[in-house]
N, C-alpha and C. Protein backbone atom coordinates (compact mmCIF):
# COMPACT_ATOMS: atom_id res chain seq x y z
N UNK A 1 17.77 -44.64 -90.83
CA UNK A 1 17.89 -44.64 -89.47
C UNK A 1 18.73 -45.56 -89.16
N UNK A 2 19.60 -45.67 -88.20
CA UNK A 2 20.35 -46.77 -87.89
C UNK A 2 19.56 -48.08 -87.32
N UNK A 3 20.23 -49.28 -87.90
CA UNK A 3 19.04 -50.45 -87.18
C UNK A 3 19.30 -50.64 -85.13
N UNK A 4 18.18 -51.29 -84.93
CA UNK A 4 18.37 -51.37 -83.74
C UNK A 4 18.64 -52.70 -83.47
N UNK A 5 19.65 -53.23 -82.30
CA UNK A 5 19.65 -54.58 -82.57
C UNK A 5 18.99 -55.08 -81.22
N UNK A 6 17.91 -56.02 -81.15
CA UNK A 6 16.56 -56.43 -80.72
C UNK A 6 16.59 -57.84 -79.85
N UNK A 7 16.44 -57.99 -78.32
CA UNK A 7 16.43 -59.38 -78.02
C UNK A 7 15.11 -60.08 -78.51
N UNK A 8 14.65 -61.31 -78.29
CA UNK A 8 14.26 -62.04 -78.46
C UNK A 8 13.24 -62.96 -77.51
N UNK A 9 12.02 -62.78 -77.54
CA UNK A 9 11.40 -63.28 -76.24
C UNK A 9 10.06 -64.31 -76.36
N UNK A 10 9.55 -65.36 -75.89
CA UNK A 10 8.15 -66.07 -76.55
C UNK A 10 7.04 -64.82 -76.00
N UNK A 11 5.74 -65.38 -76.56
CA UNK A 11 5.22 -64.87 -76.31
C UNK A 11 4.19 -65.60 -74.73
N UNK A 12 4.01 -64.96 -73.72
CA UNK A 12 3.29 -65.71 -72.87
C UNK A 12 2.54 -64.91 -72.64
N UNK A 13 1.82 -65.75 -70.73
CA UNK A 13 0.50 -65.10 -70.69
C UNK A 13 0.46 -63.65 -69.48
N UNK A 14 2.24 -63.41 -69.39
CA UNK A 14 2.11 -61.77 -69.15
C UNK A 14 2.76 -60.87 -69.95
N UNK A 15 2.98 -61.06 -71.36
CA UNK A 15 3.15 -60.76 -72.60
C UNK A 15 1.93 -59.98 -73.36
N UNK A 16 1.16 -61.39 -72.94
CA UNK A 16 -0.07 -61.41 -73.97
C UNK A 16 -0.93 -60.40 -74.27
N UNK A 17 -1.59 -59.32 -73.28
CA UNK A 17 -2.16 -58.12 -73.33
C UNK A 17 -1.11 -57.02 -73.88
N UNK A 18 0.11 -56.90 -73.80
CA UNK A 18 0.51 -55.84 -74.42
C UNK A 18 1.04 -56.21 -76.17
N UNK A 19 1.22 -57.33 -76.44
CA UNK A 19 0.99 -58.00 -78.09
C UNK A 19 -0.01 -57.71 -78.64
N UNK A 20 -1.43 -58.31 -78.02
CA UNK A 20 -2.29 -57.83 -78.72
C UNK A 20 -2.86 -56.17 -78.33
N UNK A 21 -2.29 -55.28 -77.12
CA UNK A 21 -2.90 -53.55 -77.49
C UNK A 21 -1.64 -52.91 -78.62
N UNK A 22 -0.31 -53.93 -79.11
CA UNK A 22 0.51 -53.17 -79.83
C UNK A 22 -0.11 -53.47 -81.43
N UNK A 23 -0.89 -54.93 -81.74
CA UNK A 23 -1.79 -55.36 -83.00
C UNK A 23 -2.72 -54.56 -83.20
N UNK A 24 -3.25 -54.30 -82.08
CA UNK A 24 -4.65 -53.11 -82.19
C UNK A 24 -4.07 -51.94 -82.51
N UNK A 25 -3.53 -51.26 -82.06
CA UNK A 25 -3.18 -49.72 -82.60
C UNK A 25 -2.01 -50.41 -83.99
N UNK A 26 -1.59 -51.29 -84.43
CA UNK A 26 -0.40 -51.08 -85.61
C UNK A 26 -1.36 -51.66 -87.26
N UNK A 27 -2.17 -52.84 -86.95
CA UNK A 27 -2.56 -53.44 -88.15
C UNK A 27 -3.99 -52.71 -88.45
N UNK A 28 -4.31 -53.36 -89.67
CA UNK A 28 -6.00 -53.09 -89.61
C UNK A 28 -6.94 -54.20 -89.72
N UNK A 29 -6.69 -54.69 -89.25
CA UNK A 29 -7.77 -55.98 -88.75
C UNK A 29 -7.59 -56.48 -87.14
N UNK A 30 -8.41 -56.06 -86.83
CA UNK A 30 -8.80 -55.89 -84.95
C UNK A 30 -8.90 -57.46 -84.64
N UNK A 31 -7.82 -58.31 -84.00
CA UNK A 31 -7.85 -59.91 -84.09
C UNK A 31 -8.64 -60.12 -82.80
N UNK A 32 -9.75 -61.11 -82.69
CA UNK A 32 -10.74 -61.60 -81.45
C UNK A 32 -9.63 -62.03 -80.80
N UNK A 33 -9.90 -62.29 -78.78
CA UNK A 33 -9.72 -62.81 -77.72
C UNK A 33 -8.99 -64.61 -78.52
N UNK A 34 -9.88 -65.19 -79.53
CA UNK A 34 -9.27 -66.45 -79.15
C UNK A 34 -7.90 -66.38 -80.01
N UNK A 35 -7.33 -66.04 -80.95
CA UNK A 35 -6.10 -65.54 -81.28
C UNK A 35 -4.98 -65.67 -80.04
N UNK A 36 -4.89 -65.27 -79.59
CA UNK A 36 -3.96 -64.92 -78.52
C UNK A 36 -4.32 -65.84 -77.88
N UNK A 37 -5.50 -66.75 -77.17
CA UNK A 37 -5.50 -68.06 -76.06
C UNK A 37 -4.99 -68.89 -77.02
N UNK A 38 -5.31 -68.96 -78.17
CA UNK A 38 -4.58 -70.33 -79.61
C UNK A 38 -2.94 -69.79 -79.05
N UNK A 39 -2.52 -68.76 -79.11
CA UNK A 39 -0.95 -68.75 -79.46
C UNK A 39 -0.55 -68.98 -77.65
N UNK A 40 -1.15 -68.79 -76.85
CA UNK A 40 -0.91 -69.52 -75.75
C UNK A 40 -0.54 -70.84 -75.13
N UNK A 41 -1.77 -71.54 -76.67
CA UNK A 41 -1.93 -73.07 -75.85
C UNK A 41 -0.81 -73.64 -77.25
N UNK A 42 -0.44 -73.07 -78.11
CA UNK A 42 -0.23 -73.98 -79.13
C UNK A 42 1.51 -74.22 -77.91
N UNK A 43 1.56 -75.43 -79.01
CA UNK A 43 2.73 -76.52 -78.60
C UNK A 43 3.97 -75.74 -78.96
N UNK A 44 3.91 -75.61 -80.32
CA UNK A 44 4.98 -74.71 -80.67
C UNK A 44 5.19 -72.87 -80.18
N UNK A 45 4.37 -72.46 -79.04
CA UNK A 45 4.46 -71.26 -79.00
C UNK A 45 5.54 -70.33 -79.16
N UNK A 46 6.90 -71.28 -78.51
CA UNK A 46 7.92 -70.67 -78.43
C UNK A 46 9.05 -70.25 -79.75
N UNK A 47 8.79 -71.07 -80.82
CA UNK A 47 8.94 -71.25 -81.98
C UNK A 47 8.84 -70.14 -82.47
N UNK A 48 7.10 -70.23 -82.73
CA UNK A 48 6.22 -69.60 -83.41
C UNK A 48 5.64 -68.24 -83.55
N UNK A 49 5.76 -67.83 -82.09
CA UNK A 49 5.83 -66.35 -81.65
C UNK A 49 6.35 -65.35 -81.12
N UNK A 50 6.69 -64.68 -81.71
CA UNK A 50 8.56 -63.96 -80.84
C UNK A 50 7.92 -62.68 -80.55
N UNK A 51 8.70 -61.98 -79.43
CA UNK A 51 8.57 -60.63 -79.10
C UNK A 51 9.91 -60.19 -79.66
N UNK A 52 9.34 -58.73 -79.69
CA UNK A 52 11.22 -57.99 -79.74
C UNK A 52 11.57 -57.37 -78.72
N UNK A 53 12.40 -56.62 -77.90
CA UNK A 53 12.64 -56.40 -77.12
C UNK A 53 13.88 -55.46 -77.03
N UNK A 54 13.16 -54.21 -77.01
CA UNK A 54 14.63 -53.93 -76.80
C UNK A 54 15.14 -52.52 -75.40
N UNK A 55 16.12 -52.51 -75.40
CA UNK A 55 16.27 -52.10 -73.46
C UNK A 55 15.48 -52.76 -72.66
N UNK A 56 14.28 -53.90 -72.51
CA UNK A 56 13.17 -54.26 -71.56
C UNK A 56 12.43 -53.89 -72.48
N UNK A 57 12.22 -52.82 -73.33
CA UNK A 57 11.01 -53.31 -74.23
C UNK A 57 10.31 -53.26 -74.93
N UNK A 58 8.78 -53.89 -74.83
CA UNK A 58 8.31 -54.65 -76.42
C UNK A 58 9.01 -53.61 -77.19
N UNK A 59 8.82 -54.05 -78.63
CA UNK A 59 8.62 -53.04 -79.45
C UNK A 59 8.13 -54.00 -80.47
N UNK A 60 7.90 -54.98 -80.86
CA UNK A 60 7.17 -55.42 -82.05
C UNK A 60 6.84 -57.25 -81.67
N UNK A 61 6.95 -58.04 -82.39
CA UNK A 61 5.89 -59.21 -82.61
C UNK A 61 5.87 -59.74 -83.90
N UNK A 62 5.21 -60.96 -83.55
CA UNK A 62 5.41 -61.98 -84.93
C UNK A 62 4.85 -63.33 -84.31
N UNK A 63 3.51 -63.47 -84.84
CA UNK A 63 2.46 -64.94 -84.26
C UNK A 63 2.30 -65.42 -86.02
N UNK A 64 2.51 -66.50 -85.73
CA UNK A 64 2.60 -67.60 -87.00
C UNK A 64 1.79 -68.81 -86.40
N UNK A 65 1.75 -70.09 -87.77
CA UNK A 65 1.14 -70.67 -86.78
C UNK A 65 1.00 -72.40 -87.86
N UNK A 66 0.66 -73.38 -87.38
CA UNK A 66 0.91 -74.05 -88.60
C UNK A 66 -0.29 -74.70 -89.01
N UNK A 67 -0.26 -74.24 -90.43
CA UNK A 67 -1.38 -73.83 -91.55
C UNK A 67 -2.25 -75.62 -91.28
N UNK A 68 -3.59 -75.62 -90.80
CA UNK A 68 -4.25 -77.00 -90.68
C UNK A 68 -4.31 -77.35 -91.37
N UNK A 69 -4.90 -76.58 -92.58
CA UNK A 69 -5.15 -77.58 -94.21
C UNK A 69 -4.10 -77.23 -94.96
N UNK A 70 -3.36 -77.14 -95.05
CA UNK A 70 -1.51 -77.35 -95.38
C UNK A 70 -0.21 -77.17 -94.49
N UNK A 71 -0.66 -78.82 -93.38
CA UNK A 71 0.28 -79.27 -92.09
C UNK A 71 1.94 -78.73 -92.75
N UNK A 72 2.62 -78.46 -93.77
CA UNK A 72 3.93 -78.24 -93.81
C UNK A 72 4.13 -77.21 -94.69
N UNK A 73 3.01 -75.97 -94.15
CA UNK A 73 3.43 -74.45 -93.86
C UNK A 73 2.95 -73.59 -92.71
N UNK A 74 4.02 -72.57 -92.25
CA UNK A 74 3.64 -71.98 -91.07
C UNK A 74 3.25 -70.70 -91.58
N UNK A 75 1.75 -70.52 -91.49
CA UNK A 75 1.52 -69.14 -91.83
C UNK A 75 1.14 -67.95 -91.26
N UNK A 76 2.08 -67.27 -91.18
CA UNK A 76 2.67 -65.36 -90.15
C UNK A 76 0.68 -64.91 -90.30
N UNK A 77 -0.28 -64.85 -89.13
CA UNK A 77 -1.57 -64.22 -88.58
C UNK A 77 -0.84 -63.19 -88.60
N UNK A 78 0.67 -62.32 -88.39
CA UNK A 78 0.66 -61.23 -87.53
C UNK A 78 1.82 -60.88 -87.89
N UNK A 79 2.96 -59.65 -87.92
CA UNK A 79 3.84 -59.15 -88.31
C UNK A 79 4.14 -57.53 -87.15
N UNK A 80 4.68 -57.19 -86.55
CA UNK A 80 3.97 -55.40 -85.80
C UNK A 80 5.07 -54.77 -85.53
N UNK A 81 5.09 -53.88 -85.72
CA UNK A 81 6.23 -53.21 -84.72
C UNK A 81 5.68 -51.75 -84.29
N UNK A 82 6.34 -51.46 -82.98
CA UNK A 82 5.54 -50.03 -82.35
C UNK A 82 6.11 -49.23 -83.65
N UNK A 83 5.22 -48.01 -83.58
CA UNK A 83 5.48 -46.86 -84.48
C UNK A 83 6.45 -45.99 -84.21
N UNK A 84 7.20 -46.02 -83.57
CA UNK A 84 8.05 -45.24 -82.43
C UNK A 84 9.17 -45.67 -83.55
N UNK A 85 9.27 -47.45 -83.24
CA UNK A 85 10.87 -48.09 -83.81
C UNK A 85 10.77 -48.85 -85.16
N UNK A 86 9.31 -47.99 -85.83
CA UNK A 86 9.89 -48.77 -87.33
C UNK A 86 10.72 -47.92 -88.07
N UNK A 87 10.83 -48.62 -89.20
CA UNK A 87 12.61 -48.25 -89.92
C UNK A 87 13.99 -48.47 -88.99
N UNK A 88 13.28 -49.74 -88.54
CA UNK A 88 14.46 -49.63 -87.44
C UNK A 88 15.20 -51.21 -87.91
N UNK A 89 14.73 -51.96 -89.05
CA UNK A 89 14.92 -53.94 -89.11
C UNK A 89 14.70 -54.31 -88.23
N UNK A 90 13.47 -54.32 -87.05
CA UNK A 90 12.65 -54.80 -85.93
C UNK A 90 11.79 -55.65 -86.49
N UNK A 91 11.45 -55.38 -87.69
CA UNK A 91 10.57 -55.81 -88.47
C UNK A 91 11.40 -57.23 -89.01
N UNK A 92 12.46 -56.93 -89.98
CA UNK A 92 13.12 -57.54 -90.54
C UNK A 92 14.48 -58.70 -89.55
N UNK A 93 14.57 -58.51 -87.98
CA UNK A 93 14.98 -58.77 -87.39
C UNK A 93 13.74 -60.48 -87.27
N UNK A 94 12.66 -59.97 -86.64
CA UNK A 94 11.60 -60.98 -86.23
C UNK A 94 11.36 -61.59 -87.20
N UNK A 95 11.05 -61.68 -88.70
CA UNK A 95 10.80 -62.17 -89.71
C UNK A 95 11.91 -63.40 -89.85
N UNK A 96 13.44 -62.53 -89.69
CA UNK A 96 14.56 -63.84 -90.32
C UNK A 96 14.28 -64.94 -88.85
N UNK A 97 14.56 -64.17 -87.83
CA UNK A 97 14.10 -65.20 -86.97
C UNK A 97 13.31 -65.95 -87.04
N UNK A 98 11.69 -65.61 -87.29
CA UNK A 98 11.24 -67.31 -87.77
C UNK A 98 11.55 -67.61 -88.69
N UNK A 99 12.43 -67.38 -89.84
CA UNK A 99 12.75 -68.17 -90.98
C UNK A 99 13.43 -69.14 -90.69
N UNK A 100 15.01 -68.68 -89.86
CA UNK A 100 15.79 -69.29 -89.68
C UNK A 100 15.27 -70.77 -88.93
N UNK A 101 14.21 -70.48 -87.92
CA UNK A 101 13.31 -71.29 -86.93
C UNK A 101 12.93 -72.24 -87.86
N UNK A 102 12.46 -71.97 -89.75
CA UNK A 102 12.04 -72.80 -90.17
C UNK A 102 12.98 -73.97 -90.58
N UNK A 103 14.08 -73.29 -91.24
CA UNK A 103 15.19 -74.72 -91.54
C UNK A 103 15.65 -75.38 -90.83
N UNK A 104 15.16 -75.16 -89.54
CA UNK A 104 15.44 -76.25 -88.91
C UNK A 104 14.52 -77.14 -88.23
N UNK A 105 13.09 -76.55 -88.62
CA UNK A 105 12.18 -77.90 -88.70
C UNK A 105 12.03 -78.40 -90.20
N UNK A 106 12.21 -79.39 -89.87
CA UNK A 106 12.26 -80.41 -91.61
C UNK A 106 10.37 -80.43 -92.30
N UNK A 107 9.62 -80.22 -91.19
CA UNK A 107 7.95 -80.49 -91.54
C UNK A 107 7.89 -79.61 -92.01
N UNK A 108 8.56 -78.21 -92.04
CA UNK A 108 8.03 -77.22 -92.78
C UNK A 108 8.64 -76.69 -94.27
N UNK A 109 8.03 -76.90 -95.51
CA UNK A 109 8.40 -76.42 -96.24
C UNK A 109 7.82 -75.01 -96.81
N UNK A 110 7.01 -74.32 -96.65
CA UNK A 110 7.18 -73.76 -96.88
C UNK A 110 6.30 -72.32 -96.24
N UNK A 111 6.21 -70.81 -96.56
CA UNK A 111 5.87 -69.70 -95.71
C UNK A 111 5.14 -69.27 -95.97
N UNK A 112 4.12 -68.65 -95.33
CA UNK A 112 2.99 -67.41 -96.12
C UNK A 112 1.79 -66.50 -95.38
N UNK A 113 1.30 -65.98 -95.85
CA UNK A 113 0.88 -64.66 -95.20
C UNK A 113 -0.25 -64.33 -95.95
N UNK A 114 -1.61 -63.45 -96.07
CA UNK A 114 -1.80 -62.76 -96.77
C UNK A 114 -1.75 -61.10 -96.48
N UNK A 115 -1.59 -60.13 -97.56
CA UNK A 115 -1.04 -59.12 -97.13
C UNK A 115 -2.45 -57.77 -98.28
N UNK A 116 -2.59 -57.46 -97.42
CA UNK A 116 -4.04 -56.09 -98.47
C UNK A 116 -3.25 -55.61 -99.68
N UNK A 117 -3.73 -55.83 -101.05
CA UNK A 117 -3.26 -55.70 -101.97
C UNK A 117 -3.27 -53.65 -101.74
N UNK A 118 -3.77 -53.37 -101.19
CA UNK A 118 -3.49 -52.09 -100.47
C UNK A 118 -2.04 -51.41 -100.46
N UNK A 119 -1.49 -52.54 -99.20
CA UNK A 119 -0.56 -52.49 -97.98
C UNK A 119 0.62 -52.19 -99.71
N UNK A 120 1.39 -51.96 -100.12
CA UNK A 120 2.68 -52.14 -101.16
C UNK A 120 3.91 -51.86 -99.84
N UNK A 121 3.84 -51.12 -99.27
CA UNK A 121 4.98 -51.16 -98.13
C UNK A 121 5.38 -52.67 -97.77
N UNK A 122 4.58 -53.46 -96.69
CA UNK A 122 4.22 -54.73 -96.62
C UNK A 122 5.09 -55.35 -98.19
N UNK A 123 4.09 -55.61 -98.98
CA UNK A 123 4.25 -56.45 -99.70
C UNK A 123 5.63 -56.25 -100.52
N UNK A 124 6.07 -54.83 -100.95
CA UNK A 124 7.91 -55.01 -101.06
C UNK A 124 8.75 -55.50 -100.02
N UNK A 125 8.44 -55.14 -98.54
CA UNK A 125 9.57 -55.69 -97.74
C UNK A 125 9.28 -57.24 -97.66
N UNK A 126 8.12 -58.20 -98.10
CA UNK A 126 8.14 -59.72 -98.40
C UNK A 126 9.08 -59.81 -100.01
N UNK A 127 8.81 -59.12 -100.42
CA UNK A 127 9.53 -59.60 -102.04
C UNK A 127 10.33 -59.38 -101.92
N UNK A 128 11.24 -58.22 -101.88
CA UNK A 128 11.72 -57.81 -102.18
C UNK A 128 13.29 -57.81 -101.20
N UNK A 129 12.62 -58.12 -99.42
CA UNK A 129 13.56 -58.40 -98.61
C UNK A 129 14.11 -59.56 -98.47
N UNK A 130 13.39 -60.82 -98.60
CA UNK A 130 12.69 -62.02 -98.03
C UNK A 130 12.56 -63.03 -99.18
N UNK A 131 12.30 -62.10 -99.99
CA UNK A 131 12.17 -62.72 -101.91
C UNK A 131 10.67 -63.70 -102.07
N UNK A 132 9.90 -63.32 -100.64
CA UNK A 132 9.13 -64.33 -100.82
C UNK A 132 8.29 -63.99 -102.85
N UNK A 133 6.92 -64.44 -103.21
CA UNK A 133 6.34 -64.96 -104.44
C UNK A 133 5.40 -64.25 -103.99
N UNK A 134 4.37 -63.60 -104.70
CA UNK A 134 2.94 -63.41 -104.87
C UNK A 134 2.33 -63.40 -105.68
N UNK A 135 1.13 -64.58 -104.93
CA UNK A 135 0.46 -65.47 -105.62
C UNK A 135 -0.62 -64.56 -105.99
N UNK A 136 -2.00 -65.83 -106.29
CA UNK A 136 -3.09 -65.19 -106.80
C UNK A 136 -3.71 -64.03 -105.67
N UNK A 137 -4.53 -62.97 -106.47
CA UNK A 137 -5.31 -61.78 -105.70
C UNK A 137 -6.64 -62.56 -105.36
N UNK A 138 -6.92 -62.31 -104.17
CA UNK A 138 -8.05 -63.44 -103.58
C UNK A 138 -8.75 -62.02 -103.50
N UNK A 139 -9.78 -62.35 -103.80
CA UNK A 139 -10.96 -61.65 -103.34
C UNK A 139 -12.02 -61.11 -102.48
N UNK A 140 -12.28 -59.99 -101.89
CA UNK A 140 -13.44 -60.20 -99.95
C UNK A 140 -12.41 -60.76 -99.66
N UNK A 141 -11.47 -60.85 -99.18
CA UNK A 141 -10.55 -61.80 -98.10
C UNK A 141 -10.93 -61.44 -96.97
N UNK A 142 -10.67 -60.12 -96.42
CA UNK A 142 -10.99 -59.26 -95.07
C UNK A 142 -12.42 -58.96 -95.47
N UNK A 143 -13.18 -59.21 -94.10
CA UNK A 143 -14.33 -58.76 -94.04
C UNK A 143 -14.62 -57.04 -93.90
N UNK A 144 -14.06 -56.67 -92.67
CA UNK A 144 -14.61 -55.76 -92.06
C UNK A 144 -13.78 -54.22 -92.20
N UNK A 145 -13.15 -54.14 -92.85
CA UNK A 145 -12.57 -53.55 -93.45
C UNK A 145 -11.85 -53.03 -94.85
N UNK A 146 -11.47 -51.38 -94.96
CA UNK A 146 -11.87 -51.09 -96.06
C UNK A 146 -10.38 -51.79 -97.22
N UNK A 147 -10.63 -51.68 -98.43
CA UNK A 147 -9.62 -52.43 -99.51
C UNK A 147 -9.91 -54.43 -98.86
N UNK A 148 -10.66 -55.10 -98.67
CA UNK A 148 -10.79 -56.42 -98.77
C UNK A 148 -9.71 -57.16 -99.44
N UNK A 149 -9.46 -56.81 -100.43
CA UNK A 149 -9.04 -57.79 -101.91
C UNK A 149 -7.59 -58.23 -101.01
N UNK A 150 -6.31 -59.11 -101.41
CA UNK A 150 -5.69 -59.45 -100.35
C UNK A 150 -4.58 -60.83 -101.73
N UNK A 151 -3.16 -60.43 -101.53
CA UNK A 151 -2.55 -61.15 -102.79
C UNK A 151 -1.98 -62.04 -101.35
N UNK A 152 -1.95 -63.61 -101.29
CA UNK A 152 -1.18 -65.17 -100.55
C UNK A 152 0.76 -64.48 -101.10
N UNK A 153 1.34 -64.41 -100.13
CA UNK A 153 2.87 -64.42 -100.55
C UNK A 153 2.97 -65.26 -100.28
N UNK A 154 4.23 -66.18 -100.23
CA UNK A 154 4.35 -67.40 -99.71
C UNK A 154 6.06 -67.67 -100.35
N UNK A 155 7.22 -68.21 -99.50
CA UNK A 155 8.31 -68.61 -99.39
C UNK A 155 8.88 -69.72 -99.39
N UNK A 156 8.86 -70.41 -100.44
CA UNK A 156 9.72 -71.62 -100.13
C UNK A 156 10.78 -71.96 -99.28
N UNK A 157 10.52 -73.16 -97.97
CA UNK A 157 11.99 -72.77 -97.26
C UNK A 157 12.85 -74.57 -97.14
N UNK A 158 13.93 -74.71 -96.86
CA UNK A 158 14.22 -75.70 -97.05
C UNK A 158 15.11 -76.20 -96.05
N UNK A 159 14.60 -77.10 -94.94
CA UNK A 159 15.49 -77.37 -93.63
C UNK A 159 16.92 -77.81 -93.99
N UNK A 160 17.40 -77.07 -93.85
CA UNK A 160 19.02 -77.44 -93.43
C UNK A 160 19.65 -78.80 -93.27
N UNK A 161 18.21 -79.47 -92.42
CA UNK A 161 19.38 -80.59 -92.04
C UNK A 161 18.46 -82.22 -92.34
N UNK A 162 18.23 -82.05 -94.16
CA UNK A 162 17.58 -82.70 -94.83
C UNK A 162 18.60 -83.09 -96.07
N UNK A 163 18.31 -83.90 -97.04
CA UNK A 163 18.76 -84.29 -98.39
C UNK A 163 18.33 -83.77 -99.49
N UNK A 164 18.44 -83.68 -100.54
CA UNK A 164 17.08 -83.69 -101.62
C UNK A 164 17.40 -84.82 -101.97
N UNK A 165 16.58 -85.43 -103.60
CA UNK A 165 16.55 -86.67 -104.21
C UNK A 165 17.92 -87.07 -104.34
N UNK A 166 18.62 -86.01 -105.45
CA UNK A 166 19.47 -85.86 -106.05
C UNK A 166 21.00 -85.54 -105.54
N UNK A 167 21.06 -85.71 -104.10
CA UNK A 167 21.96 -85.17 -103.24
C UNK A 167 22.81 -86.22 -102.58
N UNK A 168 23.81 -86.58 -103.27
CA UNK A 168 24.54 -87.93 -102.67
C UNK A 168 26.10 -87.55 -101.93
N UNK A 169 26.49 -86.11 -101.31
CA UNK A 169 27.18 -85.77 -100.55
C UNK A 169 26.49 -86.54 -99.07
N UNK A 170 27.62 -86.37 -98.63
CA UNK A 170 27.61 -87.07 -96.97
C UNK A 170 26.36 -85.95 -96.17
N UNK A 171 25.70 -87.02 -95.80
CA UNK A 171 25.06 -86.15 -94.39
C UNK A 171 24.85 -86.54 -93.13
N UNK A 172 26.28 -86.93 -92.96
CA UNK A 172 26.91 -87.94 -91.74
C UNK A 172 26.42 -87.23 -90.27
N UNK A 173 26.14 -87.88 -89.47
CA UNK A 173 25.08 -87.36 -88.16
C UNK A 173 23.85 -86.46 -88.63
N UNK A 174 23.08 -86.28 -89.36
CA UNK A 174 21.72 -86.34 -90.09
C UNK A 174 21.08 -87.52 -90.17
N UNK A 175 19.80 -86.78 -89.68
CA UNK A 175 18.65 -87.77 -90.45
C UNK A 175 18.49 -88.19 -91.72
N UNK A 176 18.17 -89.33 -91.73
CA UNK A 176 18.12 -89.21 -93.55
C UNK A 176 16.90 -89.61 -94.18
N UNK A 177 16.17 -88.41 -94.15
CA UNK A 177 15.10 -87.39 -94.61
C UNK A 177 15.42 -86.90 -95.99
N UNK A 178 14.42 -87.80 -96.91
CA UNK A 178 14.70 -87.29 -98.58
C UNK A 178 13.18 -86.39 -98.82
N UNK A 179 13.64 -85.22 -100.11
CA UNK A 179 12.32 -84.85 -100.33
C UNK A 179 12.63 -84.51 -102.11
N UNK A 180 10.94 -84.25 -102.82
CA UNK A 180 11.54 -84.44 -103.97
C UNK A 180 12.34 -83.25 -104.20
N UNK A 181 12.79 -83.05 -104.87
CA UNK A 181 13.84 -82.11 -105.69
C UNK A 181 12.97 -80.73 -106.19
N UNK A 182 11.43 -81.25 -106.22
CA UNK A 182 10.96 -80.26 -107.35
C UNK A 182 9.60 -80.15 -106.81
N UNK A 183 9.75 -79.36 -105.18
CA UNK A 183 8.69 -79.46 -104.15
C UNK A 183 7.85 -78.32 -105.24
N UNK A 184 7.61 -77.19 -105.96
CA UNK A 184 7.07 -76.24 -106.23
C UNK A 184 6.14 -77.17 -107.57
N UNK A 185 6.91 -77.79 -108.40
CA UNK A 185 5.78 -78.18 -109.27
C UNK A 185 4.80 -79.04 -108.62
N UNK A 186 4.56 -79.55 -107.65
CA UNK A 186 3.67 -80.09 -106.44
C UNK A 186 2.47 -79.30 -105.63
N UNK A 187 3.39 -78.33 -106.17
CA UNK A 187 2.29 -77.37 -105.03
C UNK A 187 0.93 -77.14 -105.32
N UNK A 188 0.32 -77.38 -104.39
CA UNK A 188 -1.51 -77.48 -103.96
C UNK A 188 -1.74 -75.61 -104.37
N UNK A 189 -3.07 -75.57 -104.75
CA UNK A 189 -3.78 -74.36 -104.97
C UNK A 189 -3.90 -73.62 -103.26
N UNK A 190 -3.63 -72.73 -103.21
CA UNK A 190 -3.80 -72.11 -101.67
C UNK A 190 -5.05 -71.82 -101.23
N UNK A 191 -5.88 -72.13 -99.83
CA UNK A 191 -6.67 -72.02 -99.39
C UNK A 191 -6.65 -70.77 -98.49
N UNK A 192 -7.74 -69.83 -98.40
CA UNK A 192 -7.56 -68.63 -97.49
C UNK A 192 -7.50 -68.98 -95.88
N UNK A 193 -7.01 -68.97 -95.89
CA UNK A 193 -6.83 -68.90 -93.73
C UNK A 193 -7.47 -68.31 -93.32
N UNK A 194 -8.48 -68.71 -92.23
CA UNK A 194 -9.35 -68.30 -91.36
C UNK A 194 -8.80 -67.89 -90.24
N UNK A 195 -8.85 -66.21 -89.53
CA UNK A 195 -8.74 -66.32 -88.35
C UNK A 195 -9.20 -66.00 -87.28
């Protein structure tokens, strides 16, 4: 199928009920009202949570948050596309929009999410198309669904407005931020995020 070009917008009080209905119809996990309240209250809601619209119709959404246990990690809570619009690269556009935003945020070094071990299509989507690494198996992560085990998928991101410790090139006009060259070596073990 031909990819559809979508427009992006924030999740707001006016469309959050539509996002919730779409997530309930698309995802194996039913998220409670507090997730959606927290999206609306979040300081970075417009950056971390996006809707995709095709000709004015909501066709997908991604919801993310800064991980309180790993403050330099952006955690993707949900990524959903309306069934009739799947296979048109809408999910790819939503994820790429968030990843592009992360490169402009020096505080974010990593993007992560949990995926059921049985969801092979989602695992391939993240690992093959977006080069996420597959972390350890987490047993019994999901409490109220079949196939409760998951993998933590993660991807390192590098802000485009920071220098690495060994970068001697000019960074005129950019903030003077230095990060260690090998952040992967100092990576801490992930703890499952609570939703």
